[in-house]
Amino acid sequence: MEHSPLTAIMAIVVAAGLIGAMLTLSALAPKIIGRRWKNVPIDETPYECGARPFEPIERHRFSVKFYLVAMLFILFDIEAAFLLPWAVTFKEFAGQKLFVLGEMAVFLGKGFGIPVLLP
């Protein structure tokens, strides 16, 4: 089943089904909820990153949550960038698998803020 075209065919069928469902729902959505949104006033001012661009900078403050989300994204992005190639080449470490696994555990532990005591 490893080299079977059935997997690729199933993936294509599922993707085509999802695309068709999304196109159908996007075409039907205005007809279903359109009556409720006719009396809503339209705001045509530009809007970027949660703040109006023409207000003085002192008037809007950014929450610490924005910075926290950005730092978490960078943390997990870097860990994924190192973890995926490591997982692909893990079979090549014949006699050192336990050592390499331990090193990755230390790397992930430091990334999550877990203190690691090294001798």
N, C-alpha and C. Protein backbone atom coordinates (compact mmCIF):
# COMPACT_ATOMS: atom_id res chain seq x y z
N MET A 1 0.83 -1.20 0.00
CA MET A 1 0.00 0.00 0.00
C MET A 1 0.87 1.26 0.00
N GLU A 2 2.17 1.05 0.17
CA GLU A 2 3.07 2.20 0.25
C GLU A 2 3.15 2.95 -1.07
N HIS A 3 3.15 2.22 -2.19
CA HIS A 3 3.27 2.85 -3.50
C HIS A 3 1.95 2.83 -4.27
N SER A 4 0.86 2.76 -3.54
CA SER A 4 -0.44 2.67 -4.18
C SER A 4 -0.93 4.06 -4.61
N PRO A 5 -1.50 4.17 -5.79
CA PRO A 5 -2.05 5.46 -6.22
C PRO A 5 -3.38 5.78 -5.54
N LEU A 6 -3.90 4.83 -4.77
CA LEU A 6 -5.18 5.05 -4.09
C LEU A 6 -5.09 6.22 -3.11
N THR A 7 -3.96 6.37 -2.44
CA THR A 7 -3.79 7.46 -1.48
C THR A 7 -3.85 8.81 -2.19
N ALA A 8 -3.17 8.94 -3.30
CA ALA A 8 -3.18 10.20 -4.05
C ALA A 8 -4.56 10.49 -4.61
N ILE A 9 -5.23 9.46 -5.09
CA ILE A 9 -6.57 9.66 -5.64
C ILE A 9 -7.54 10.10 -4.55
N MET A 10 -7.43 9.47 -3.38
CA MET A 10 -8.31 9.87 -2.26
C MET A 10 -8.03 11.31 -1.83
N ALA A 11 -6.77 11.71 -1.80
CA ALA A 11 -6.43 13.08 -1.43
C ALA A 11 -6.99 14.08 -2.43
N ILE A 12 -6.91 13.75 -3.71
CA ILE A 12 -7.45 14.64 -4.75
C ILE A 12 -8.97 14.73 -4.64
N VAL A 13 -9.64 13.61 -4.38
CA VAL A 13 -11.10 13.60 -4.26
C VAL A 13 -11.53 14.42 -3.04
N VAL A 14 -10.84 14.25 -1.92
CA VAL A 14 -11.19 15.02 -0.71
C VAL A 14 -10.95 16.50 -0.95
N ALA A 15 -9.82 16.86 -1.58
CA ALA A 15 -9.54 18.27 -1.85
C ALA A 15 -10.58 18.87 -2.79
N ALA A 16 -10.96 18.13 -3.83
CA ALA A 16 -11.98 18.63 -4.75
C ALA A 16 -13.32 18.77 -4.05
N GLY A 17 -13.65 17.84 -3.18
CA GLY A 17 -14.90 17.94 -2.42
C GLY A 17 -14.92 19.15 -1.50
N LEU A 18 -13.80 19.40 -0.81
CA LEU A 18 -13.72 20.58 0.06
C LEU A 18 -13.79 21.88 -0.74
N ILE A 19 -13.14 21.92 -1.89
CA ILE A 19 -13.20 23.12 -2.73
C ILE A 19 -14.63 23.34 -3.21
N GLY A 20 -15.29 22.29 -3.65
CA GLY A 20 -16.68 22.42 -4.09
C GLY A 20 -17.61 22.87 -2.96
N ALA A 21 -17.41 22.31 -1.77
CA ALA A 21 -18.25 22.71 -0.63
C ALA A 21 -18.03 24.17 -0.27
N MET A 22 -16.77 24.62 -0.28
CA MET A 22 -16.49 26.02 0.05
C MET A 22 -17.06 26.97 -1.00
N LEU A 23 -16.94 26.60 -2.27
CA LEU A 23 -17.51 27.46 -3.32
C LEU A 23 -19.03 27.52 -3.22
N THR A 24 -19.66 26.39 -2.93
CA THR A 24 -21.12 26.36 -2.79
C THR A 24 -21.57 27.19 -1.60
N LEU A 25 -20.89 27.02 -0.47
CA LEU A 25 -21.26 27.79 0.72
C LEU A 25 -21.01 29.28 0.54
N SER A 26 -19.93 29.65 -0.15
CA SER A 26 -19.69 31.08 -0.36
C SER A 26 -20.71 31.69 -1.32
N ALA A 27 -21.26 30.88 -2.22
CA ALA A 27 -22.30 31.39 -3.12
C ALA A 27 -23.65 31.48 -2.41
N LEU A 28 -23.91 30.57 -1.50
CA LEU A 28 -25.20 30.56 -0.79
C LEU A 28 -25.24 31.48 0.42
N ALA A 29 -24.10 31.80 0.99
CA ALA A 29 -24.05 32.60 2.23
C ALA A 29 -24.74 33.96 2.09
N PRO A 30 -24.52 34.72 1.02
CA PRO A 30 -25.21 36.02 0.92
C PRO A 30 -26.73 35.87 0.82
N LYS A 31 -27.19 34.79 0.23
CA LYS A 31 -28.64 34.59 0.12
C LYS A 31 -29.25 34.21 1.45
N ILE A 32 -28.48 33.50 2.27
CA ILE A 32 -29.00 33.05 3.56
C ILE A 32 -28.97 34.17 4.59
N ILE A 33 -27.84 34.87 4.72
CA ILE A 33 -27.73 35.90 5.76
C ILE A 33 -27.82 37.31 5.19
N GLY A 34 -28.09 37.45 3.91
CA GLY A 34 -28.11 38.77 3.29
C GLY A 34 -29.21 39.68 3.81
N ARG A 35 -30.36 39.12 4.18
CA ARG A 35 -31.47 39.94 4.64
C ARG A 35 -31.16 40.62 5.98
N ARG A 36 -30.38 39.95 6.81
CA ARG A 36 -30.06 40.50 8.13
C ARG A 36 -29.01 41.60 8.05
N TRP A 37 -28.21 41.63 7.00
CA TRP A 37 -27.11 42.57 6.92
C TRP A 37 -27.40 43.78 6.03
N LYS A 38 -28.60 43.92 5.54
CA LYS A 38 -28.89 45.04 4.64
C LYS A 38 -28.89 46.39 5.36
N ASN A 39 -29.28 46.44 6.63
CA ASN A 39 -29.40 47.70 7.35
C ASN A 39 -28.16 48.03 8.18
N VAL A 40 -27.08 47.29 8.02
CA VAL A 40 -25.86 47.56 8.77
C VAL A 40 -25.07 48.64 8.03
N PRO A 41 -24.67 49.73 8.73
CA PRO A 41 -23.91 50.78 8.04
C PRO A 41 -22.52 50.28 7.66
N ILE A 42 -22.04 50.77 6.52
CA ILE A 42 -20.75 50.35 6.01
C ILE A 42 -19.68 51.31 6.50
N ASP A 43 -18.64 50.77 7.08
CA ASP A 43 -17.50 51.56 7.54
C ASP A 43 -16.42 51.48 6.47
N GLU A 44 -16.12 52.59 5.82
CA GLU A 44 -15.17 52.57 4.72
C GLU A 44 -13.81 53.13 5.09
N THR A 45 -13.54 53.31 6.38
CA THR A 45 -12.22 53.79 6.77
C THR A 45 -11.23 52.64 6.82
N PRO A 46 -9.96 52.89 6.51
CA PRO A 46 -8.97 51.81 6.55
C PRO A 46 -8.75 51.32 7.97
N TYR A 47 -8.40 50.06 8.09
CA TYR A 47 -8.23 49.42 9.39
C TYR A 47 -7.04 48.48 9.31
N GLU A 48 -6.03 48.72 10.15
CA GLU A 48 -4.83 47.89 10.11
C GLU A 48 -4.42 47.51 11.52
N CYS A 49 -4.29 46.23 11.75
CA CYS A 49 -3.72 45.68 12.98
C CYS A 49 -4.43 46.17 14.24
N GLY A 50 -5.70 46.37 14.20
CA GLY A 50 -6.45 46.72 15.39
C GLY A 50 -6.44 48.20 15.74
N ALA A 51 -5.89 49.07 14.90
CA ALA A 51 -5.85 50.50 15.20
C ALA A 51 -6.12 51.29 13.93
N ARG A 52 -6.82 52.38 14.07
CA ARG A 52 -7.06 53.26 12.94
C ARG A 52 -5.75 53.93 12.55
N PRO A 53 -5.38 53.95 11.28
CA PRO A 53 -4.06 54.44 10.90
C PRO A 53 -3.88 55.95 11.00
N PHE A 54 -4.95 56.71 11.11
CA PHE A 54 -4.81 58.16 11.12
C PHE A 54 -4.97 58.77 12.50
N GLU A 55 -5.05 57.94 13.53
CA GLU A 55 -5.10 58.46 14.89
C GLU A 55 -3.68 58.61 15.42
N PRO A 56 -3.47 59.55 16.33
CA PRO A 56 -2.12 59.67 16.92
C PRO A 56 -1.73 58.38 17.64
N ILE A 57 -0.45 58.10 17.67
CA ILE A 57 0.04 56.84 18.22
C ILE A 57 -0.20 56.74 19.72
N GLU A 58 -0.32 57.87 20.40
CA GLU A 58 -0.54 57.84 21.84
C GLU A 58 -1.95 57.36 22.20
N ARG A 59 -2.85 57.42 21.27
CA ARG A 59 -4.25 57.11 21.58
C ARG A 59 -4.54 55.62 21.59
N HIS A 60 -3.74 54.83 20.93
CA HIS A 60 -4.00 53.38 20.95
C HIS A 60 -2.78 52.66 21.49
N ARG A 61 -3.06 51.75 22.40
CA ARG A 61 -2.01 50.96 23.02
C ARG A 61 -2.17 49.52 22.56
N PHE A 62 -1.05 48.86 22.35
CA PHE A 62 -1.08 47.46 22.00
C PHE A 62 -1.06 46.63 23.26
N SER A 63 -1.85 45.60 23.25
CA SER A 63 -1.88 44.70 24.39
C SER A 63 -0.63 43.83 24.39
N VAL A 64 -0.27 43.37 25.57
CA VAL A 64 0.88 42.47 25.70
C VAL A 64 0.59 41.15 24.99
N LYS A 65 -0.67 40.82 24.80
CA LYS A 65 -1.05 39.57 24.14
C LYS A 65 -0.51 39.51 22.71
N PHE A 66 -0.45 40.65 22.02
CA PHE A 66 0.10 40.67 20.67
C PHE A 66 1.55 40.19 20.68
N TYR A 67 2.33 40.71 21.63
CA TYR A 67 3.74 40.33 21.71
C TYR A 67 3.90 38.88 22.16
N LEU A 68 3.04 38.43 23.05
CA LEU A 68 3.09 37.05 23.51
C LEU A 68 2.81 36.08 22.36
N VAL A 69 1.81 36.38 21.56
CA VAL A 69 1.48 35.53 20.42
C VAL A 69 2.64 35.53 19.42
N ALA A 70 3.26 36.68 19.18
CA ALA A 70 4.38 36.76 18.25
C ALA A 70 5.57 35.94 18.74
N MET A 71 5.86 36.02 20.03
CA MET A 71 6.98 35.26 20.58
C MET A 71 6.71 33.76 20.54
N LEU A 72 5.47 33.35 20.83
CA LEU A 72 5.14 31.93 20.76
C LEU A 72 5.22 31.42 19.32
N PHE A 73 4.81 32.24 18.37
CA PHE A 73 4.92 31.85 16.97
C PHE A 73 6.38 31.64 16.58
N ILE A 74 7.24 32.57 16.97
CA ILE A 74 8.65 32.43 16.64
C ILE A 74 9.24 31.20 17.30
N LEU A 75 8.87 30.96 18.55
CA LEU A 75 9.39 29.79 19.27
C LEU A 75 9.01 28.49 18.57
N PHE A 76 7.72 28.33 18.27
CA PHE A 76 7.28 27.08 17.65
C PHE A 76 7.73 26.97 16.20
N ASP A 77 7.89 28.09 15.52
CA ASP A 77 8.37 28.07 14.15
C ASP A 77 9.82 27.60 14.09
N ILE A 78 10.65 28.10 14.98
CA ILE A 78 12.05 27.69 15.01
C ILE A 78 12.16 26.22 15.42
N GLU A 79 11.37 25.82 16.42
CA GLU A 79 11.44 24.42 16.83
C GLU A 79 10.97 23.49 15.71
N ALA A 80 9.96 23.88 14.97
CA ALA A 80 9.51 23.04 13.86
C ALA A 80 10.56 23.00 12.76
N ALA A 81 11.25 24.12 12.54
CA ALA A 81 12.29 24.15 11.51
C ALA A 81 13.45 23.23 11.86
N PHE A 82 13.73 23.04 13.13
CA PHE A 82 14.79 22.12 13.53
C PHE A 82 14.28 20.70 13.72
N LEU A 83 13.03 20.55 14.10
CA LEU A 83 12.50 19.23 14.43
C LEU A 83 12.21 18.38 13.19
N LEU A 84 11.72 18.97 12.13
CA LEU A 84 11.38 18.20 10.93
C LEU A 84 12.60 17.59 10.24
N PRO A 85 13.68 18.32 9.99
CA PRO A 85 14.85 17.67 9.39
C PRO A 85 15.46 16.62 10.32
N TRP A 86 15.41 16.89 11.62
CA TRP A 86 15.93 15.92 12.58
C TRP A 86 15.13 14.62 12.52
N ALA A 87 13.81 14.72 12.43
CA ALA A 87 12.97 13.53 12.38
C ALA A 87 13.20 12.74 11.09
N VAL A 88 13.48 13.44 10.00
CA VAL A 88 13.71 12.76 8.72
C VAL A 88 15.02 11.98 8.76
N THR A 89 16.04 12.54 9.37
CA THR A 89 17.36 11.89 9.38
C THR A 89 17.60 11.05 10.63
N PHE A 90 16.59 10.83 11.46
CA PHE A 90 16.79 10.09 12.72
C PHE A 90 17.22 8.65 12.48
N LYS A 91 16.74 8.02 11.41
CA LYS A 91 17.10 6.62 11.15
C LYS A 91 18.58 6.45 10.82
N GLU A 92 19.24 7.50 10.37
CA GLU A 92 20.64 7.40 9.98
C GLU A 92 21.59 7.34 11.17
N PHE A 93 21.13 7.69 12.36
CA PHE A 93 21.96 7.63 13.55
C PHE A 93 21.88 6.22 14.14
N ALA A 94 22.64 5.30 13.60
CA ALA A 94 22.50 3.88 13.92
C ALA A 94 22.79 3.58 15.39
N GLY A 95 23.98 3.84 15.85
CA GLY A 95 24.35 3.47 17.21
C GLY A 95 24.12 4.57 18.22
N GLN A 96 23.75 5.75 17.77
CA GLN A 96 23.65 6.89 18.67
C GLN A 96 22.21 7.38 18.83
N LYS A 97 21.24 6.53 18.60
CA LYS A 97 19.85 6.97 18.63
C LYS A 97 19.44 7.51 19.99
N LEU A 98 19.87 6.88 21.06
CA LEU A 98 19.49 7.33 22.40
C LEU A 98 20.13 8.69 22.70
N PHE A 99 21.39 8.86 22.30
CA PHE A 99 22.06 10.14 22.51
C PHE A 99 21.38 11.27 21.73
N VAL A 100 21.07 11.00 20.47
CA VAL A 100 20.43 12.01 19.61
C VAL A 100 19.03 12.33 20.14
N LEU A 101 18.31 11.33 20.60
CA LEU A 101 16.99 11.55 21.18
C LEU A 101 17.08 12.40 22.45
N GLY A 102 18.10 12.15 23.26
CA GLY A 102 18.31 12.96 24.46
C GLY A 102 18.66 14.40 24.13
N GLU A 103 19.48 14.59 23.11
CA GLU A 103 19.82 15.95 22.70
C GLU A 103 18.59 16.72 22.22
N MET A 104 17.72 16.05 21.48
CA MET A 104 16.50 16.73 21.03
C MET A 104 15.58 17.01 22.21
N ALA A 105 15.55 16.13 23.19
CA ALA A 105 14.74 16.38 24.38
C ALA A 105 15.25 17.61 25.13
N VAL A 106 16.58 17.77 25.20
CA VAL A 106 17.16 18.96 25.84
C VAL A 106 16.79 20.20 25.04
N PHE A 107 16.87 20.13 23.71
CA PHE A 107 16.52 21.27 22.86
C PHE A 107 15.06 21.67 23.05
N LEU A 108 14.16 20.69 23.03
CA LEU A 108 12.74 20.99 23.20
C LEU A 108 12.46 21.47 24.62
N GLY A 109 13.14 20.91 25.60
CA GLY A 109 12.95 21.34 26.98
C GLY A 109 13.35 22.79 27.18
N LYS A 110 14.47 23.19 26.59
CA LYS A 110 14.89 24.58 26.70
C LYS A 110 13.92 25.50 25.95
N GLY A 111 13.37 25.03 24.85
CA GLY A 111 12.43 25.84 24.08
C GLY A 111 11.15 26.11 24.85
N PHE A 112 10.73 25.14 25.67
CA PHE A 112 9.51 25.33 26.45
C PHE A 112 9.79 25.93 27.81
N GLY A 113 11.03 26.30 28.08
CA GLY A 113 11.35 26.96 29.32
C GLY A 113 11.59 26.00 30.48
N ILE A 114 11.77 24.74 30.20
CA ILE A 114 12.04 23.77 31.25
C ILE A 114 13.52 23.83 31.56
N PRO A 115 13.89 24.06 32.84
CA PRO A 115 15.32 24.12 33.14
C PRO A 115 15.96 22.74 32.99
N VAL A 116 17.07 22.72 32.31
CA VAL A 116 17.79 21.47 32.06
C VAL A 116 19.15 21.58 32.73
N LEU A 117 19.43 20.65 33.62
CA LEU A 117 20.72 20.65 34.31
C LEU A 117 21.67 19.73 33.57
N LEU A 118 22.73 20.30 33.08
CA LEU A 118 23.74 19.52 32.38
C LEU A 118 24.95 19.38 33.28
N PRO A 119 25.60 18.22 33.27
CA PRO A 119 26.77 18.05 34.14
C PRO A 119 27.95 18.87 33.67
